[in-house]
PDB file of N, CA and C in Angstrom:
ATOM      1  N   MET A   1     107.263  71.807 105.381  1.00  0.00           N
ATOM      2  CA  MET A   1     107.035  73.157 104.919  1.00  0.00           C
ATOM      3  C   MET A   1     107.986  73.425 103.753  1.00  0.00           C
ATOM      4  N   ASN A   2     107.457  73.938 102.654  1.00  0.00           N
ATOM      5  CA  ASN A   2     108.304  74.213 101.490  1.00  0.00           C
ATOM      6  C   ASN A   2     108.663  75.698 101.414  1.00  0.00           C
ATOM      7  N   LYS A   3     109.472  76.048 100.427  1.00  0.00           N
ATOM      8  CA  LYS A   3     109.981  77.418 100.359  1.00  0.00           C
ATOM      9  C   LYS A   3     108.882  78.452 100.123  1.00  0.00           C
ATOM     10  N   ASP A   4     107.819  78.079  99.398  1.00  0.00           N
ATOM     11  CA  ASP A   4     106.724  79.026  99.195  1.00  0.00           C
ATOM     12  C   ASP A   4     106.006  79.331 100.511  1.00  0.00           C
ATOM     13  N   GLU A   5     105.844  78.315 101.340  1.00  0.00           N
ATOM     14  CA  GLU A   5     105.210  78.535 102.643  1.00  0.00           C
ATOM     15  C   GLU A   5     106.066  79.445 103.519  1.00  0.00           C
ATOM     16  N   VAL A   6     107.370  79.203 103.523  1.00  0.00           N
ATOM     17  CA  VAL A   6     108.280  80.009 104.345  1.00  0.00           C
ATOM     18  C   VAL A   6     108.317  81.451 103.848  1.00  0.00           C
ATOM     19  N   LYS A   7     108.467  81.624 102.539  1.00  0.00           N
ATOM     20  CA  LYS A   7     108.518  82.982 101.979  1.00  0.00           C
ATOM     21  C   LYS A   7     107.189  83.706 102.177  1.00  0.00           C
ATOM     22  N   GLY A   8     106.091  82.967 102.091  1.00  0.00           N
ATOM     23  CA  GLY A   8     104.783  83.573 102.328  1.00  0.00           C
ATOM     24  C   GLY A   8     104.628  84.052 103.760  1.00  0.00           C
ATOM     25  N   LYS A   9     105.072  83.232 104.707  1.00  0.00           N
ATOM     26  CA  LYS A   9     105.016  83.642 106.119  1.00  0.00           C
ATOM     27  C   LYS A   9     105.868  84.889 106.350  1.00  0.00           C
ATOM     28  N   ALA A  10     107.057  84.916 105.734  1.00  0.00           N
ATOM     29  CA  ALA A  10     107.949  86.066 105.897  1.00  0.00           C
ATOM     30  C   ALA A  10     107.324  87.323 105.303  1.00  0.00           C
ATOM     31  N   GLU A  11     106.710  87.182 104.137  1.00  0.00           N
ATOM     32  CA  GLU A  11     106.094  88.338 103.488  1.00  0.00           C
ATOM     33  C   GLU A  11     104.892  88.843 104.285  1.00  0.00           C
ATOM     34  N   ALA A  12     104.107  87.929 104.835  1.00  0.00           N
ATOM     35  CA  ALA A  12     102.965  88.328 105.658  1.00  0.00           C
ATOM     36  C   ALA A  12     103.443  89.055 106.917  1.00  0.00           C
ATOM     37  N   LEU A  13     104.521  88.564 107.502  1.00  0.00           N
ATOM     38  CA  LEU A  13     105.082  89.212 108.689  1.00  0.00           C
ATOM     39  C   LEU A  13     105.583  90.614 108.346  1.00  0.00           C
ATOM     40  N   LYS A  14     106.243  90.735 107.201  1.00  0.00           N
ATOM     41  CA  LYS A  14     106.710  92.049 106.746  1.00  0.00           C
ATOM     42  C   LYS A  14     105.522  93.003 106.597  1.00  0.00           C
ATOM     43  N   GLY A  15     104.420  92.487 106.062  1.00  0.00           N
ATOM     44  CA  GLY A  15     103.221  93.307 105.909  1.00  0.00           C
ATOM     45  C   GLY A  15     102.667  93.767 107.237  1.00  0.00           C
ATOM     46  N   LYS A  16     102.649  92.872 108.214  1.00  0.00           N
ATOM     47  CA  LYS A  16     102.149  93.241 109.548  1.00  0.00           C
ATOM     48  C   LYS A  16     103.042  94.306 110.179  1.00  0.00           C
ATOM     49  N   MET A  17     104.352  94.176 109.947  1.00  0.00           N
ATOM     50  CA  MET A  17     105.279  95.172 110.497  1.00  0.00           C
ATOM     51  C   MET A  17     105.067  96.532 109.837  1.00  0.00           C
ATOM     52  N   LYS A  18     104.838  96.528 108.531  1.00  0.00           N
ATOM     53  CA  LYS A  18     104.567  97.795 107.833  1.00  0.00           C
ATOM     54  C   LYS A  18     103.279  98.428 108.340  1.00  0.00           C
ATOM     55  N   GLN A  19     102.277  97.596 108.582  1.00  0.00           N
ATOM     56  CA  GLN A  19     101.016  98.126 109.100  1.00  0.00           C
ATOM     57  C   GLN A  19     101.224  98.783 110.458  1.00  0.00           C
ATOM     58  N   ALA A  20     101.972  98.112 111.326  1.00  0.00           N
ATOM     59  CA  ALA A  20     102.225  98.660 112.659  1.00  0.00           C
ATOM     60  C   ALA A  20     103.023  99.957 112.568  1.00  0.00           C
ATOM     61  N   ALA A  21     104.034  99.971 111.697  1.00  0.00           N
ATOM     62  CA  ALA A  21     104.830 101.186 111.528  1.00  0.00           C
ATOM     63  C   ALA A  21     103.966 102.314 110.974  1.00  0.00           C
ATOM     64  N   GLY A  22     103.114 101.985 110.031  1.00  0.00           N
ATOM     65  CA  GLY A  22     102.216 102.991 109.469  1.00  0.00           C
ATOM     66  C   GLY A  22     101.269 103.553 110.511  1.00  0.00           C
ATOM     67  N   ASP A  23     100.792 102.696 111.393  1.00  0.00           N
ATOM     68  CA  ASP A  23      99.904 103.155 112.467  1.00  0.00           C
ATOM     69  C   ASP A  23     100.652 104.057 113.439  1.00  0.00           C
ATOM     70  N   LEU A  24     101.879 103.659 113.790  1.00  0.00           N
ATOM     71  CA  LEU A  24     102.668 104.462 114.740  1.00  0.00           C
ATOM     72  C   LEU A  24     103.026 105.828 114.176  1.00  0.00           C
ATOM     73  N   MET A  25     103.350 105.867 112.886  1.00  0.00           N
ATOM     74  CA  MET A  25     103.774 107.126 112.263  1.00  0.00           C
ATOM     75  C   MET A  25     102.610 107.858 111.615  1.00  0.00           C
ATOM     76  N   ASP A  26     101.413 107.314 111.780  1.00  0.00           N
ATOM     77  CA  ASP A  26     100.206 107.902 111.187  1.00  0.00           C
ATOM     78  C   ASP A  26     100.381 108.071 109.676  1.00  0.00           C
ATOM     79  N   ASP A  27     100.937 107.024 109.036  1.00  0.00           N
ATOM     80  CA  ASP A  27     101.198 107.017 107.600  1.00  0.00           C
ATOM     81  C   ASP A  27     100.263 105.998 106.951  1.00  0.00           C
ATOM     82  N   GLU A  28      99.188 106.499 106.379  1.00  0.00           N
ATOM     83  CA  GLU A  28      98.169 105.632 105.803  1.00  0.00           C
ATOM     84  C   GLU A  28      98.699 104.832 104.612  1.00  0.00           C
ATOM     85  N   GLN A  29      99.571 105.443 103.813  1.00  0.00           N
ATOM     86  CA  GLN A  29     100.124 104.747 102.647  1.00  0.00           C
ATOM     87  C   GLN A  29     100.972 103.543 103.082  1.00  0.00           C
ATOM     88  N   LEU A  30     101.799 103.713 104.103  1.00  0.00           N
ATOM     89  CA  LEU A  30     102.624 102.616 104.604  1.00  0.00           C
ATOM     90  C   LEU A  30     101.740 101.508 105.173  1.00  0.00           C
ATOM     91  N   HIS A  31     100.705 101.887 105.885  1.00  0.00           N
ATOM     92  CA  HIS A  31      99.762 100.903 106.423  1.00  0.00           C
ATOM     93  C   HIS A  31      99.120 100.098 105.286  1.00  0.00           C
ATOM     94  N   ASP A  32      98.683 100.798 104.241  1.00  0.00           N
ATOM     95  CA  ASP A  32      98.045 100.126 103.104  1.00  0.00           C
ATOM     96  C   ASP A  32      99.015  99.200 102.375  1.00  0.00           C
ATOM     97  N   GLU A  33     100.278  99.612 102.253  1.00  0.00           N
ATOM     98  CA  GLU A  33     101.296  98.732 101.655  1.00  0.00           C
ATOM     99  C   GLU A  33     101.437  97.468 102.488  1.00  0.00           C
ATOM    100  N   GLY A  34     101.363  97.620 103.795  1.00  0.00           N
ATOM    101  CA  GLY A  34     101.438  96.471 104.680  1.00  0.00           C
ATOM    102  C   GLY A  34     100.284  95.510 104.494  1.00  0.00           C
ATOM    103  N   VAL A  35      99.103  96.055 104.285  1.00  0.00           N
ATOM    104  CA  VAL A  35      97.924  95.213 104.056  1.00  0.00           C
ATOM    105  C   VAL A  35      98.121  94.398 102.775  1.00  0.00           C
ATOM    106  N   VAL A  36      98.621  95.050 101.730  1.00  0.00           N
ATOM    107  CA  VAL A  36      98.859  94.364 100.457  1.00  0.00           C
ATOM    108  C   VAL A  36      99.932  93.286 100.623  1.00  0.00           C
ATOM    109  N   ASP A  37     101.019  93.626 101.311  1.00  0.00           N
ATOM    110  CA  ASP A  37     102.097  92.652 101.527  1.00  0.00           C
ATOM    111  C   ASP A  37     101.603  91.450 102.339  1.00  0.00           C
ATOM    112  N   GLU A  38     100.794  91.713 103.351  1.00  0.00           N
ATOM    113  CA  GLU A  38     100.280  90.624 104.171  1.00  0.00           C
ATOM    114  C   GLU A  38      99.384  89.704 103.337  1.00  0.00           C
ATOM    115  N   ALA A  39      98.526  90.294 102.512  1.00  0.00           N
ATOM    116  CA  ALA A  39      97.640  89.485 101.668  1.00  0.00           C
ATOM    117  C   ALA A  39      98.449  88.667 100.664  1.00  0.00           C
ATOM    118  N   ALA A  40      99.479  89.268 100.077  1.00  0.00           N
ATOM    119  CA  ALA A  40     100.329  88.540  99.135  1.00  0.00           C
ATOM    120  C   ALA A  40     101.050  87.394  99.838  1.00  0.00           C
ATOM    121  N   GLY A  41     101.520  87.633 101.043  1.00  0.00           N
ATOM    122  CA  GLY A  41     102.191  86.590 101.806  1.00  0.00           C
ATOM    123  C   GLY A  41     101.255  85.451 102.164  1.00  0.00           C
ATOM    124  N   ASP A  42     100.042  85.792 102.571  1.00  0.00           N
ATOM    125  CA  ASP A  42      99.059  84.759 102.903  1.00  0.00           C
ATOM    126  C   ASP A  42      98.723  83.916 101.673  1.00  0.00           C
ATOM    127  N   THR A  43      98.628  84.583 100.515  1.00  0.00           N
ATOM    128  CA  THR A  43      98.334  83.879  99.272  1.00  0.00           C
ATOM    129  C   THR A  43      99.473  82.942  98.899  1.00  0.00           C
ATOM    130  N   ARG A  44     100.705  83.430  99.010  1.00  0.00           N
ATOM    131  CA  ARG A  44     101.855  82.589  98.672  1.00  0.00           C
ATOM    132  C   ARG A  44     101.971  81.401  99.623  1.00  0.00           C
ATOM    133  N   GLU A  45     101.693  81.643 100.885  1.00  0.00           N
ATOM    134  CA  GLU A  45     101.739  80.554 101.862  1.00  0.00           C
ATOM    135  C   GLU A  45     100.681  79.493 101.537  1.00  0.00           C
ATOM    136  N   ALA A  46      99.472  79.939 101.181  1.00  0.00           N
ATOM    137  CA  ALA A  46      98.401  79.003 100.827  1.00  0.00           C
ATOM    138  C   ALA A  46      98.763  78.219  99.565  1.00  0.00           C
ATOM    139  N   PHE A  47      99.373  78.894  98.590  1.00  0.00           N
ATOM    140  CA  PHE A  47      99.826  78.214  97.376  1.00  0.00           C
ATOM    141  C   PHE A  47     100.849  77.138  97.729  1.00  0.00           C
ATOM    142  N   GLY A  48     101.795  77.481  98.580  1.00  0.00           N
ATOM    143  CA  GLY A  48     102.813  76.524  98.997  1.00  0.00           C
ATOM    144  C   GLY A  48     102.229  75.342  99.734  1.00  0.00           C
ATOM    145  N   ARG A  49     101.242  75.613 100.582  1.00  0.00           N
ATOM    146  CA  ARG A  49     100.582  74.540 101.335  1.00  0.00           C
ATOM    147  C   ARG A  49      99.848  73.608 100.365  1.00  0.00           C
ATOM    148  N   GLY A  50      99.150  74.172  99.380  1.00  0.00           N
ATOM    149  CA  GLY A  50      98.457  73.360  98.381  1.00  0.00           C
ATOM    150  C   GLY A  50      99.424  72.540  97.557  1.00  0.00           C
ATOM    151  N   ARG A  51     100.527  73.165  97.193  1.00  0.00           N
ATOM    152  CA  ARG A  51     101.557  72.475  96.415  1.00  0.00           C
ATOM    153  C   ARG A  51     102.128  71.291  97.201  1.00  0.00           C
ATOM    154  N   ARG A  52     102.357  71.503  98.475  1.00  0.00           N
ATOM    155  CA  ARG A  52     102.885  70.434  99.324  1.00  0.00           C
ATOM    156  C   ARG A  52     101.881  69.291  99.429  1.00  0.00           C
ATOM    157  N   LYS A  53     100.606  69.625  99.604  1.00  0.00           N
ATOM    158  CA  LYS A  53      99.568  68.599  99.739  1.00  0.00           C
ATOM    159  C   LYS A  53      99.451  67.771  98.456  1.00  0.00           C
ATOM    160  N   VAL A  54      99.532  68.434  97.306  1.00  0.00           N
ATOM    161  CA  VAL A  54      99.479  67.706  96.034  1.00  0.00           C
ATOM    162  C   VAL A  54     100.680  66.772  95.926  1.00  0.00           C
ATOM    163  N   GLY A  55     101.847  67.267  96.288  1.00  0.00           N
ATOM    164  CA  GLY A  55     103.046  66.429  96.260  1.00  0.00           C
ATOM    165  C   GLY A  55     102.923  65.216  97.170  1.00  0.00           C
ATOM    166  N   GLU A  56     102.360  65.427  98.355  1.00  0.00           N
ATOM    167  CA  GLU A  56     102.161  64.310  99.290  1.00  0.00           C
ATOM    168  C   GLU A  56     101.177  63.294  98.721  1.00  0.00           C
ATOM    169  N   ALA A  57     100.118  63.781  98.079  1.00  0.00           N
ATOM    170  CA  ALA A  57      99.119  62.874  97.501  1.00  0.00           C
ATOM    171  C   ALA A  57      99.732  62.057  96.367  1.00  0.00           C
ATOM    172  N   ILE A  58     100.537  62.703  95.536  1.00  0.00           N
ATOM    173  CA  ILE A  58     101.195  61.989  94.437  1.00  0.00           C
ATOM    174  C   ILE A  58     102.134  60.930  94.995  1.00  0.00           C
ATOM    175  N   LYS A  59     102.851  61.263  96.041  1.00  0.00           N
ATOM    176  CA  LYS A  59     103.765  60.292  96.652  1.00  0.00           C
ATOM    177  C   LYS A  59     102.984  59.103  97.207  1.00  0.00           C
ATOM    178  N   GLU A  60     101.859  59.365  97.853  1.00  0.00           N
ATOM    179  CA  GLU A  60     101.040  58.282  98.394  1.00  0.00           C
ATOM    180  C   GLU A  60     100.540  57.359  97.284  1.00  0.00           C
ATOM    181  N   VAL A  61     100.107  57.935  96.177  1.00  0.00           N
ATOM    182  CA  VAL A  61      99.635  57.121  95.039  1.00  0.00           C
ATOM    183  C   VAL A  61     100.794  56.285  94.505  1.00  0.00           C
ATOM    184  N   GLY A  62     101.960  56.910  94.379  1.00  0.00           N
ATOM    185  CA  GLY A  62     103.134  56.172  93.904  1.00  0.00           C
ATOM    186  C   GLY A  62     103.503  55.034  94.833  1.00  0.00           C
ATOM    187  N   ASP A  63     103.447  55.291  96.125  1.00  0.00           N
ATOM    188  CA  ASP A  63     103.754  54.245  97.117  1.00  0.00           C
ATOM    189  C   ASP A  63     102.734  53.108  97.039  1.00  0.00           C
ATOM    190  N   ALA A  64     101.461  53.446  96.841  1.00  0.00           N
ATOM    191  CA  ALA A  64     100.412  52.432  96.752  1.00  0.00           C
ATOM    192  C   ALA A  64     100.597  51.565  95.503  1.00  0.00           C
ATOM    193  N   ILE A  65     101.031  52.170  94.422  1.00  0.00           N
ATOM    194  CA  ILE A  65     101.241  51.432  93.172  1.00  0.00           C
ATOM    195  C   ILE A  65     102.403  50.462  93.321  1.00  0.00           C
ATOM    196  N   LYS A  66     103.434  50.879  94.047  1.00  0.00           N
ATOM    197  CA  LYS A  66     104.625  50.036  94.228  1.00  0.00           C
ATOM    198  C   LYS A  66     104.331  48.765  95.011  1.00  0.00           C
ATOM    199  N   LYS A  67     103.274  48.780  95.821  1.00  0.00           N
ATOM    200  CA  LYS A  67     102.948  47.628  96.679  1.00  0.00           C
ATOM    201  C   LYS A  67     102.360  46.521  95.915  1.00  0.00           C
TER     202      LYS A  67
END
C-alpha cells in the first residue's frame, strides 16, 4: 500500500465521519461536505492502487529482462 492509498482511505473515512455528524446534527451542508470528501478519498485511493499496479508491472518486466 502506498501513501496515496493510505491518504485516500483516511480522507474517505473523514468524509464518512462528516456525513454521520451532519446526519446527527441535521446539518445538510456538513453531510454534503462529507460526501465530497469521501468521493475524493475514494478517487485518491484508486489512483494510488493504479500507481502501485503500474509500478509492480514495471518491476516484473525489469525482472524478466534481467533473466
